[in-house]
PDB file of N, CA and C in Angstrom:
ATOM      1  N   UNK A   1      26.133  -5.237 -66.912  1.00  0.00           N
ATOM      2  CA  UNK A   1      26.543  -3.626 -66.677  1.00  0.00           C
ATOM      3  C   UNK A   1      28.019  -3.674 -66.204  1.00  0.00           C
ATOM      4  N   UNK A   2      28.775  -2.543 -66.602  1.00  0.00           N
ATOM      5  CA  UNK A   2      30.040  -2.247 -66.034  1.00  0.00           C
ATOM      6  C   UNK A   2      30.026  -0.883 -65.100  1.00  0.00           C
ATOM      7  N   UNK A   3      30.394  -0.822 -63.943  1.00  0.00           N
ATOM      8  CA  UNK A   3      30.645   0.213 -63.371  1.00  0.00           C
ATOM      9  C   UNK A   3      32.069   0.852 -63.370  1.00  0.00           C
ATOM     10  N   UNK A   4      32.218   1.572 -64.438  1.00  0.00           N
ATOM     11  CA  UNK A   4      33.503   2.271 -64.584  1.00  0.00           C
ATOM     12  C   UNK A   4      33.828   3.579 -63.821  1.00  0.00           C
ATOM     13  N   UNK A   5      34.352   3.244 -62.706  1.00  0.00           N
ATOM     14  CA  UNK A   5      34.679   4.331 -61.761  1.00  0.00           C
ATOM     15  C   UNK A   5      35.772   5.378 -62.477  1.00  0.00           C
ATOM     16  N   UNK A   6      35.757   6.587 -62.380  1.00  0.00           N
ATOM     17  CA  UNK A   6      36.861   7.412 -62.955  1.00  0.00           C
ATOM     18  C   UNK A   6      37.424   8.201 -61.945  1.00  0.00           C
ATOM     19  N   UNK A   7      38.761   8.228 -61.815  1.00  0.00           N
ATOM     20  CA  UNK A   7      39.521   9.170 -60.956  1.00  0.00           C
ATOM     21  C   UNK A   7      40.022  10.279 -61.981  1.00  0.00           C
ATOM     22  N   UNK A   8      39.229  11.277 -61.731  1.00  0.00           N
ATOM     23  CA  UNK A   8      39.595  12.551 -62.557  1.00  0.00           C
ATOM     24  C   UNK A   8      40.712  13.364 -62.232  1.00  0.00           C
ATOM     25  N   UNK A   9      41.206  13.234 -61.069  1.00  0.00           N
ATOM     26  CA  UNK A   9      42.275  14.259 -60.827  1.00  0.00           C
ATOM     27  C   UNK A   9      43.645  13.822 -61.307  1.00  0.00           C
ATOM     28  N   UNK A  10      44.333  14.636 -61.569  1.00  0.00           N
ATOM     29  CA  UNK A  10      45.840  14.163 -62.213  1.00  0.00           C
ATOM     30  C   UNK A  10      46.457  13.608 -61.034  1.00  0.00           C
ATOM     31  N   UNK A  11      47.171  12.569 -61.387  1.00  0.00           N
ATOM     32  CA  UNK A  11      47.931  11.548 -60.319  1.00  0.00           C
ATOM     33  C   UNK A  11      49.270  12.401 -60.092  1.00  0.00           C
ATOM     34  N   UNK A  12      49.274  12.407 -58.775  1.00  0.00           N
ATOM     35  CA  UNK A  12      50.821  13.066 -58.456  1.00  0.00           C
ATOM     36  C   UNK A  12      51.661  11.760 -58.457  1.00  0.00           C
ATOM     37  N   UNK A  13      53.085  12.121 -58.726  1.00  0.00           N
ATOM     38  CA  UNK A  13      53.872  11.079 -58.712  1.00  0.00           C
ATOM     39  C   UNK A  13      53.830   9.964 -57.484  1.00  0.00           C
ATOM     40  N   UNK A  14      53.837   8.534 -57.933  1.00  0.00           N
ATOM     41  CA  UNK A  14      53.594   7.769 -56.845  1.00  0.00           C
ATOM     42  C   UNK A  14      52.194   7.366 -56.502  1.00  0.00           C
ATOM     43  N   UNK A  15      51.268   8.435 -56.535  1.00  0.00           N
ATOM     44  CA  UNK A  15      49.854   8.036 -56.427  1.00  0.00           C
ATOM     45  C   UNK A  15      49.190   7.238 -57.194  1.00  0.00           C
ATOM     46  N   UNK A  16      49.728   7.025 -58.350  1.00  0.00           N
ATOM     47  CA  UNK A  16      49.131   6.395 -59.578  1.00  0.00           C
ATOM     48  C   UNK A  16      49.268   4.705 -59.003  1.00  0.00           C
ATOM     49  N   UNK A  17      50.822   4.795 -58.861  1.00  0.00           N
ATOM     50  CA  UNK A  17      51.147   3.302 -58.185  1.00  0.00           C
ATOM     51  C   UNK A  17      50.512   2.905 -56.975  1.00  0.00           C
ATOM     52  N   UNK A  18      50.145   3.702 -56.055  1.00  0.00           N
ATOM     53  CA  UNK A  18      49.662   3.464 -54.939  1.00  0.00           C
ATOM     54  C   UNK A  18      48.172   2.939 -55.416  1.00  0.00           C
ATOM     55  N   UNK A  19      47.365   3.788 -56.226  1.00  0.00           N
ATOM     56  CA  UNK A  19      45.913   3.430 -56.277  1.00  0.00           C
ATOM     57  C   UNK A  19      45.878   2.076 -57.291  1.00  0.00           C
ATOM     58  N   UNK A  20      46.905   1.875 -58.181  1.00  0.00           N
ATOM     59  CA  UNK A  20      46.821   0.745 -59.037  1.00  0.00           C
ATOM     60  C   UNK A  20      46.926  -0.712 -57.975  1.00  0.00           C
ATOM     61  N   UNK A  21      48.091  -0.587 -56.825  1.00  0.00           N
ATOM     62  CA  UNK A  21      48.069  -1.571 -55.786  1.00  0.00           C
ATOM     63  C   UNK A  21      47.014  -1.630 -55.015  1.00  0.00           C
ATOM     64  N   UNK A  22      46.433  -0.771 -54.517  1.00  0.00           N
ATOM     65  CA  UNK A  22      44.981  -0.496 -53.822  1.00  0.00           C
ATOM     66  C   UNK A  22      43.910  -1.390 -54.428  1.00  0.00           C
ATOM     67  N   UNK A  23      43.884  -1.034 -55.990  1.00  0.00           N
ATOM     68  CA  UNK A  23      42.827  -1.767 -56.662  1.00  0.00           C
ATOM     69  C   UNK A  23      43.088  -3.272 -56.616  1.00  0.00           C
ATOM     70  N   UNK A  24      44.432  -3.617 -56.997  1.00  0.00           N
ATOM     71  CA  UNK A  24      44.787  -4.915 -57.127  1.00  0.00           C
ATOM     72  C   UNK A  24      44.532  -5.727 -55.844  1.00  0.00           C
ATOM     73  N   UNK A  25      44.676  -5.252 -54.720  1.00  0.00           N
ATOM     74  CA  UNK A  25      44.729  -5.783 -53.525  1.00  0.00           C
ATOM     75  C   UNK A  25      43.180  -5.818 -52.675  1.00  0.00           C
ATOM     76  N   UNK A  26      42.376  -5.125 -53.497  1.00  0.00           N
ATOM     77  CA  UNK A  26      41.043  -4.959 -52.957  1.00  0.00           C
ATOM     78  C   UNK A  26      40.349  -6.332 -53.221  1.00  0.00           C
ATOM     79  N   UNK A  27      39.870  -7.111 -52.357  1.00  0.00           N
ATOM     80  CA  UNK A  27      39.269  -8.560 -52.490  1.00  0.00           C
ATOM     81  C   UNK A  27      38.025  -8.428 -53.038  1.00  0.00           C
ATOM     82  N   UNK A  28      37.490  -9.489 -53.599  1.00  0.00           N
ATOM     83  CA  UNK A  28      36.225  -9.568 -54.080  1.00  0.00           C
ATOM     84  C   UNK A  28      35.261 -10.082 -53.185  1.00  0.00           C
ATOM     85  N   UNK A  29      34.038  -9.779 -53.426  1.00  0.00           N
ATOM     86  CA  UNK A  29      32.858 -10.343 -52.665  1.00  0.00           C
ATOM     87  C   UNK A  29      32.233 -11.257 -53.568  1.00  0.00           C
ATOM     88  N   UNK A  30      32.467 -12.704 -53.426  1.00  0.00           N
ATOM     89  CA  UNK A  30      32.116 -13.554 -54.105  1.00  0.00           C
ATOM     90  C   UNK A  30      30.316 -13.738 -53.985  1.00  0.00           C
ATOM     91  N   UNK A  31      30.074 -13.413 -52.734  1.00  0.00           N
ATOM     92  CA  UNK A  31      28.507 -13.405 -52.575  1.00  0.00           C
ATOM     93  C   UNK A  31      27.862 -12.479 -53.292  1.00  0.00           C
ATOM     94  N   UNK A  32      28.186 -11.275 -53.084  1.00  0.00           N
ATOM     95  CA  UNK A  32      27.414 -10.074 -53.729  1.00  0.00           C
ATOM     96  C   UNK A  32      27.957  -9.198 -54.795  1.00  0.00           C
ATOM     97  N   UNK A  33      29.218  -9.642 -55.319  1.00  0.00           N
ATOM     98  CA  UNK A  33      29.683  -9.245 -56.767  1.00  0.00           C
ATOM     99  C   UNK A  33      30.220  -7.735 -56.238  1.00  0.00           C
ATOM    100  N   UNK A  34      30.605  -7.285 -57.358  1.00  0.00           N
ATOM    101  CA  UNK A  34      30.896  -7.757 -58.604  1.00  0.00           C
ATOM    102  C   UNK A  34      32.118  -8.514 -58.646  1.00  0.00           C
ATOM    103  N   UNK A  35      32.403  -9.450 -59.710  1.00  0.00           N
ATOM    104  CA  UNK A  35      33.575 -10.187 -59.751  1.00  0.00           C
ATOM    105  C   UNK A  35      34.606  -9.792 -60.816  1.00  0.00           C
ATOM    106  N   UNK A  36      34.158  -8.514 -61.430  1.00  0.00           N
ATOM    107  CA  UNK A  36      35.327  -7.747 -62.108  1.00  0.00           C
ATOM    108  C   UNK A  36      34.945  -6.350 -61.936  1.00  0.00           C
ATOM    109  N   UNK A  37      36.313  -5.320 -62.021  1.00  0.00           N
ATOM    110  CA  UNK A  37      36.177  -4.053 -61.847  1.00  0.00           C
ATOM    111  C   UNK A  37      36.926  -3.464 -62.874  1.00  0.00           C
ATOM    112  N   UNK A  38      36.278  -2.331 -63.382  1.00  0.00           N
ATOM    113  CA  UNK A  38      36.932  -1.351 -64.323  1.00  0.00           C
ATOM    114  C   UNK A  38      37.305   0.025 -63.527  1.00  0.00           C
ATOM    115  N   UNK A  39      38.626   0.474 -63.669  1.00  0.00           N
ATOM    116  CA  UNK A  39      38.688   1.755 -63.020  1.00  0.00           C
ATOM    117  C   UNK A  39      39.585   2.612 -64.104  1.00  0.00           C
ATOM    118  N   UNK A  40      39.108   3.853 -64.241  1.00  0.00           N
ATOM    119  CA  UNK A  40      40.013   4.583 -65.320  1.00  0.00           C
ATOM    120  C   UNK A  40      40.637   5.838 -64.548  1.00  0.00           C
ATOM    121  N   UNK A  41      42.092   6.070 -64.885  1.00  0.00           N
ATOM    122  CA  UNK A  41      42.922   6.763 -63.841  1.00  0.00           C
ATOM    123  C   UNK A  41      43.230   7.902 -65.002  1.00  0.00           C
ATOM    124  N   UNK A  42      42.985   8.952 -64.814  1.00  0.00           N
ATOM    125  CA  UNK A  42      43.560  10.219 -65.577  1.00  0.00           C
ATOM    126  C   UNK A  42      44.789  10.576 -65.204  1.00  0.00           C
ATOM    127  N   UNK A  43      45.786  10.351 -66.055  1.00  0.00           N
ATOM    128  CA  UNK A  43      47.305  10.619 -65.446  1.00  0.00           C
ATOM    129  C   UNK A  43      47.364  12.156 -66.046  1.00  0.00           C
ATOM    130  N   UNK A  44      47.441  12.478 -67.099  1.00  0.00           N
ATOM    131  CA  UNK A  44      47.780  13.822 -67.999  1.00  0.00           C
ATOM    132  C   UNK A  44      46.361  14.167 -68.845  1.00  0.00           C
ATOM    133  N   UNK A  45      46.360  15.153 -69.432  1.00  0.00           N
ATOM    134  CA  UNK A  45      45.400  15.521 -70.112  1.00  0.00           C
ATOM    135  C   UNK A  45      44.929  14.664 -71.395  1.00  0.00           C
ATOM    136  N   UNK A  46      45.977  13.990 -72.027  1.00  0.00           N
ATOM    137  CA  UNK A  46      45.785  12.948 -73.128  1.00  0.00           C
ATOM    138  C   UNK A  46      46.299  11.703 -72.844  1.00  0.00           C
ATOM    139  N   UNK A  47      46.388  11.167 -71.368  1.00  0.00           N
ATOM    140  CA  UNK A  47      46.935  10.026 -70.865  1.00  0.00           C
ATOM    141  C   UNK A  47      46.256   9.528 -69.714  1.00  0.00           C
ATOM    142  N   UNK A  48      45.527   8.339 -69.993  1.00  0.00           N
ATOM    143  CA  UNK A  48      44.985   7.721 -69.186  1.00  0.00           C
ATOM    144  C   UNK A  48      45.404   6.220 -68.742  1.00  0.00           C
ATOM    145  N   UNK A  49      45.117   5.363 -67.751  1.00  0.00           N
ATOM    146  CA  UNK A  49      45.305   4.318 -67.534  1.00  0.00           C
ATOM    147  C   UNK A  49      44.068   3.592 -67.094  1.00  0.00           C
ATOM    148  N   UNK A  50      43.794   2.517 -67.863  1.00  0.00           N
ATOM    149  CA  UNK A  50      42.604   1.587 -67.483  1.00  0.00           C
ATOM    150  C   UNK A  50      42.755   0.375 -66.972  1.00  0.00           C
ATOM    151  N   UNK A  51      42.437   0.084 -65.884  1.00  0.00           N
ATOM    152  CA  UNK A  51      42.487  -1.185 -65.139  1.00  0.00           C
ATOM    153  C   UNK A  51      41.251  -2.188 -65.186  1.00  0.00           C
ATOM    154  N   UNK A  52      41.406  -3.293 -65.608  1.00  0.00           N
ATOM    155  CA  UNK A  52      40.463  -4.441 -65.463  1.00  0.00           C
ATOM    156  C   UNK A  52      40.774  -5.435 -64.591  1.00  0.00           C
ATOM    157  N   UNK A  53      40.176  -5.314 -63.293  1.00  0.00           N
ATOM    158  CA  UNK A  53      40.610  -6.327 -62.179  1.00  0.00           C
ATOM    159  C   UNK A  53      39.536  -7.468 -62.129  1.00  0.00           C
ATOM    160  N   UNK A  54      39.833  -8.787 -62.307  1.00  0.00           N
ATOM    161  CA  UNK A  54      38.944  -9.817 -62.426  1.00  0.00           C
ATOM    162  C   UNK A  54      39.158 -10.907 -61.357  1.00  0.00           C
ATOM    163  N   UNK A  55      38.259 -11.620 -60.779  1.00  0.00           N
ATOM    164  CA  UNK A  55      38.310 -12.750 -60.129  1.00  0.00           C
ATOM    165  C   UNK A  55      38.575 -14.020 -61.073  1.00  0.00           C
ATOM    166  N   UNK A  56      39.139 -15.045 -60.626  1.00  0.00           N
ATOM    167  CA  UNK A  56      39.414 -16.175 -61.755  1.00  0.00           C
ATOM    168  C   UNK A  56      37.957 -16.731 -61.817  1.00  0.00           C
ATOM    169  N   UNK A  57      37.104 -16.563 -61.118  1.00  0.00           N
ATOM    170  CA  UNK A  57      35.743 -17.166 -61.407  1.00  0.00           C
ATOM    171  C   UNK A  57      35.187 -16.584 -62.645  1.00  0.00           C
ATOM    172  N   UNK A  58      35.588 -15.397 -63.024  1.00  0.00           N
ATOM    173  CA  UNK A  58      34.744 -14.573 -63.984  1.00  0.00           C
ATOM    174  C   UNK A  58      35.525 -14.873 -65.201  1.00  0.00           C
ATOM    175  N   UNK A  59      36.471 -15.558 -65.461  1.00  0.00           N
ATOM    176  CA  UNK A  59      37.196 -15.659 -66.725  1.00  0.00           C
ATOM    177  C   UNK A  59      38.181 -16.971 -66.898  1.00  0.00           C
ATOM    178  N   UNK A  60      38.496 -17.068 -67.843  1.00  0.00           N
ATOM    179  CA  UNK A  60      39.723 -18.310 -68.113  1.00  0.00           C
ATOM    180  C   UNK A  60      40.681 -17.525 -68.854  1.00  0.00           C
ATOM    181  N   UNK A  61      41.790 -18.195 -69.040  1.00  0.00           N
ATOM    182  CA  UNK A  61      42.762 -17.665 -69.983  1.00  0.00           C
ATOM    183  C   UNK A  61      42.326 -17.391 -71.586  1.00  0.00           C
ATOM    184  N   UNK A  62      41.766 -18.447 -72.076  1.00  0.00           N
ATOM    185  CA  UNK A  62      41.331 -18.187 -73.363  1.00  0.00           C
ATOM    186  C   UNK A  62      40.304 -17.064 -73.417  1.00  0.00           C
ATOM    187  N   UNK A  63      39.458 -16.953 -72.593  1.00  0.00           N
ATOM    188  CA  UNK A  63      38.504 -15.845 -72.662  1.00  0.00           C
ATOM    189  C   UNK A  63      39.043 -14.386 -72.505  1.00  0.00           C
ATOM    190  N   UNK A  64      40.022 -14.451 -71.549  1.00  0.00           N
ATOM    191  CA  UNK A  64      40.931 -13.158 -71.329  1.00  0.00           C
ATOM    192  C   UNK A  64      41.669 -12.724 -72.669  1.00  0.00           C
ATOM    193  N   UNK A  65      42.184 -13.598 -73.392  1.00  0.00           N
ATOM    194  CA  UNK A  65      42.687 -13.217 -74.496  1.00  0.00           C
ATOM    195  C   UNK A  65      41.838 -12.944 -75.556  1.00  0.00           C
ATOM    196  N   UNK A  66      40.794 -13.308 -75.623  1.00  0.00           N
ATOM    197  CA  UNK A  66      39.747 -12.905 -76.566  1.00  0.00           C
ATOM    198  C   UNK A  66      39.567 -11.573 -76.420  1.00  0.00           C
ATOM    199  N   UNK A  67      39.122 -11.159 -74.979  1.00  0.00           N
ATOM    200  CA  UNK A  67      38.732  -9.889 -74.422  1.00  0.00           C
ATOM    201  C   UNK A  67      39.783  -8.832 -74.683  1.00  0.00           C
ATOM    202  N   UNK A  68      41.009  -9.140 -74.298  1.00  0.00           N
ATOM    203  CA  UNK A  68      42.127  -8.537 -74.702  1.00  0.00           C
ATOM    204  C   UNK A  68      42.113  -7.889 -76.172  1.00  0.00           C
ATOM    205  N   UNK A  69      42.193  -8.875 -77.168  1.00  0.00           N
ATOM    206  CA  UNK A  69      42.494  -8.704 -78.446  1.00  0.00           C
ATOM    207  C   UNK A  69      41.072  -7.751 -79.227  1.00  0.00           C
ATOM    208  N   UNK A  70      39.849  -7.934 -78.642  1.00  0.00           N
ATOM    209  CA  UNK A  70      38.863  -7.335 -79.189  1.00  0.00           C
ATOM    210  C   UNK A  70      38.742  -5.966 -78.549  1.00  0.00           C
ATOM    211  N   UNK A  71      39.063  -6.003 -77.262  1.00  0.00           N
ATOM    212  CA  UNK A  71      39.130  -4.588 -76.607  1.00  0.00           C
ATOM    213  C   UNK A  71      40.329  -3.536 -77.236  1.00  0.00           C
ATOM    214  N   UNK A  72      41.396  -4.139 -77.467  1.00  0.00           N
ATOM    215  CA  UNK A  72      42.402  -3.512 -78.400  1.00  0.00           C
ATOM    216  C   UNK A  72      41.936  -3.031 -79.771  1.00  0.00           C
ATOM    217  N   UNK A  73      41.312  -3.902 -80.192  1.00  0.00           N
ATOM    218  CA  UNK A  73      40.876  -3.696 -81.687  1.00  0.00           C
ATOM    219  C   UNK A  73      39.651  -2.444 -81.638  1.00  0.00           C
ATOM    220  N   UNK A  74      38.727  -2.424 -80.651  1.00  0.00           N
ATOM    221  CA  UNK A  74      37.706  -1.566 -80.378  1.00  0.00           C
ATOM    222  C   UNK A  74      38.433  -0.266 -80.140  1.00  0.00           C
ATOM    223  N   UNK A  75      39.495  -0.181 -79.278  1.00  0.00           N
ATOM    224  CA  UNK A  75      40.155   1.093 -78.728  1.00  0.00           C
ATOM    225  C   UNK A  75      40.782   1.547 -80.078  1.00  0.00           C
ATOM    226  N   UNK A  76      41.603   0.989 -80.714  1.00  0.00           N
ATOM    227  CA  UNK A  76      42.267   1.556 -82.053  1.00  0.00           C
ATOM    228  C   UNK A  76      41.362   1.925 -83.107  1.00  0.00           C
ATOM    229  N   UNK A  77      40.092   1.400 -83.220  1.00  0.00           N
ATOM    230  CA  UNK A  77      39.010   1.656 -84.273  1.00  0.00           C
ATOM    231  C   UNK A  77      38.478   2.812 -83.761  1.00  0.00           C
ATOM    232  N   UNK A  78      38.224   3.297 -82.435  1.00  0.00           N
ATOM    233  CA  UNK A  78      37.794   4.407 -81.900  1.00  0.00           C
ATOM    234  C   UNK A  78      38.886   5.498 -82.210  1.00  0.00           C
ATOM    235  N   UNK A  79      39.936   5.458 -82.078  1.00  0.00           N
ATOM    236  CA  UNK A  79      40.994   6.201 -82.066  1.00  0.00           C
ATOM    237  C   UNK A  79      41.100   6.590 -83.601  1.00  0.00           C
ATOM    238  N   UNK A  80      40.962   5.729 -84.455  1.00  0.00           N
ATOM    239  CA  UNK A  80      41.216   5.740 -85.757  1.00  0.00           C
ATOM    240  C   UNK A  80      39.715   6.287 -86.796  1.00  0.00           C
ATOM    241  N   UNK A  81      38.728   6.434 -85.783  1.00  0.00           N
ATOM    242  CA  UNK A  81      37.453   6.767 -86.266  1.00  0.00           C
ATOM    243  C   UNK A  81      36.816   5.727 -87.333  1.00  0.00           C
ATOM    244  N   UNK A  82      37.058   4.475 -87.045  1.00  0.00           N
ATOM    245  CA  UNK A  82      36.345   3.653 -87.945  1.00  0.00           C
ATOM    246  C   UNK A  82      35.588   2.562 -87.238  1.00  0.00           C
ATOM    247  N   UNK A  83      34.856   1.529 -87.869  1.00  0.00           N
ATOM    248  CA  UNK A  83      34.081   0.361 -87.380  1.00  0.00           C
ATOM    249  C   UNK A  83      35.079  -0.556 -86.865  1.00  0.00           C
ATOM    250  N   UNK A  84      35.238  -1.171 -85.652  1.00  0.00           N
ATOM    251  CA  UNK A  84      35.923  -2.027 -85.302  1.00  0.00           C
ATOM    252  C   UNK A  84      35.730  -3.607 -86.207  1.00  0.00           C
ATOM    253  N   UNK A  85      37.009  -4.106 -86.521  1.00  0.00           N
ATOM    254  CA  UNK A  85      36.971  -5.220 -87.543  1.00  0.00           C
ATOM    255  C   UNK A  85      36.800  -6.443 -86.624  1.00  0.00           C
ATOM    256  N   UNK A  86      35.721  -6.791 -86.104  1.00  0.00           N
ATOM    257  CA  UNK A  86      35.645  -8.005 -85.107  1.00  0.00           C
ATOM    258  C   UNK A  86      35.060  -9.069 -85.983  1.00  0.00           C
ATOM    259  N   UNK A  87      35.526 -10.351 -85.653  1.00  0.00           N
ATOM    260  CA  UNK A  87      34.922 -11.524 -86.187  1.00  0.00           C
ATOM    261  C   UNK A  87      33.592 -11.764 -85.955  1.00  0.00           C
ATOM    262  N   UNK A  88      32.908 -12.408 -87.057  1.00  0.00           N
ATOM    263  CA  UNK A  88      31.292 -12.637 -86.596  1.00  0.00           C
ATOM    264  C   UNK A  88      31.361 -13.846 -85.960  1.00  0.00           C
ATOM    265  N   UNK A  89      30.070 -13.777 -84.984  1.00  0.00           N
ATOM    266  CA  UNK A  89      29.966 -14.850 -84.099  1.00  0.00           C
ATOM    267  C   UNK A  89      29.553 -15.969 -84.813  1.00  0.00           C
ATOM    268  N   UNK A  90      30.014 -17.171 -84.341  1.00  0.00           N
ATOM    269  CA  UNK A  90      29.599 -18.485 -85.225  1.00  0.00           C
ATOM    270  C   UNK A  90      28.067 -18.724 -84.706  1.00  0.00           C
ATOM    271  N   UNK A  91      27.564 -18.343 -83.545  1.00  0.00           N
ATOM    272  CA  UNK A  91      26.189 -18.566 -83.243  1.00  0.00           C
ATOM    273  C   UNK A  91      25.905 -17.297 -82.132  1.00  0.00           C
ATOM    274  N   UNK A  92      24.699 -17.163 -82.106  1.00  0.00           N
ATOM    275  CA  UNK A  92      24.125 -16.065 -81.149  1.00  0.00           C
ATOM    276  C   UNK A  92      23.652 -16.715 -80.009  1.00  0.00           C
ATOM    277  N   UNK A  93      23.231 -16.025 -79.063  1.00  0.00           N
ATOM    278  CA  UNK A  93      22.807 -16.341 -77.663  1.00  0.00           C
ATOM    279  C   UNK A  93      21.496 -17.147 -77.763  1.00  0.00           C
ATOM    280  N   UNK A  94      20.812 -16.509 -78.970  1.00  0.00           N
ATOM    281  CA  UNK A  94      19.319 -16.891 -79.399  1.00  0.00           C
ATOM    282  C   UNK A  94      19.628 -18.363 -79.809  1.00  0.00           C
ATOM    283  N   UNK A  95      20.599 -18.613 -80.426  1.00  0.00           N
ATOM    284  CA  UNK A  95      20.934 -19.957 -81.072  1.00  0.00           C
ATOM    285  C   UNK A  95      21.127 -21.047 -79.674  1.00  0.00           C
ATOM    286  N   UNK A  96      22.057 -20.525 -79.056  1.00  0.00           N
ATOM    287  CA  UNK A  96      22.345 -21.394 -77.797  1.00  0.00           C
ATOM    288  C   UNK A  96      21.197 -21.680 -77.033  1.00  0.00           C
ATOM    289  N   UNK A  97      20.252 -20.624 -76.672  1.00  0.00           N
ATOM    290  CA  UNK A  97      19.208 -20.848 -75.928  1.00  0.00           C
ATOM    291  C   UNK A  97      18.246 -22.005 -76.691  1.00  0.00           C
ATOM    292  N   UNK A  98      18.051 -21.684 -77.900  1.00  0.00           N
ATOM    293  CA  UNK A  98      17.199 -22.829 -78.689  1.00  0.00           C
ATOM    294  C   UNK A  98      17.665 -24.130 -78.640  1.00  0.00           C
ATOM    295  N   UNK A  99      19.031 -24.215 -78.857  1.00  0.00           N
ATOM    296  CA  UNK A  99      19.636 -25.712 -78.531  1.00  0.00           C
ATOM    297  C   UNK A  99      19.692 -26.245 -77.284  1.00  0.00           C
ATOM    298  N   UNK A 100      19.678 -25.206 -76.254  1.00  0.00           N
ATOM    299  CA  UNK A 100      19.559 -25.758 -74.971  1.00  0.00           C
ATOM    300  C   UNK A 100      18.137 -26.270 -74.424  1.00  0.00           C
ATOM    301  N   UNK A 101      17.304 -25.414 -74.978  1.00  0.00           N
ATOM    302  CA  UNK A 101      15.658 -25.773 -74.902  1.00  0.00           C
ATOM    303  C   UNK A 101      15.596 -27.225 -75.400  1.00  0.00           C
ATOM    304  N   UNK A 102      16.269 -27.464 -76.571  1.00  0.00           N
ATOM    305  CA  UNK A 102      15.910 -28.684 -77.259  1.00  0.00           C
ATOM    306  C   UNK A 102      16.511 -29.900 -76.577  1.00  0.00           C
ATOM    307  N   UNK A 103      17.409 -29.708 -76.028  1.00  0.00           N
ATOM    308  CA  UNK A 103      18.294 -30.883 -75.043  1.00  0.00           C
ATOM    309  C   UNK A 103      17.427 -30.747 -73.773  1.00  0.00           C
TER     310      UNK A 103
END
């Protein structure tokens, strides 16, 4: 589950940069989590900034690239009112669990 905190007020000049810096500098509590945070800042009526702040224990470079690519495709599909064109997964979690149980 992702807790998407929303900042609904319009950001005054300089406030957005302050809030972004504050978000980046907020430490993670590895004992209690979460190890990633999303925050949505509404800047203007049709303009927002979404941040995704992650601790390095939650991802690696390859996974972050996949996340960014698939997120961009989902967002574009939403804007274009279409189904996202995502690649089929080669295996499911069910397949992995069965493999793990076998070993």
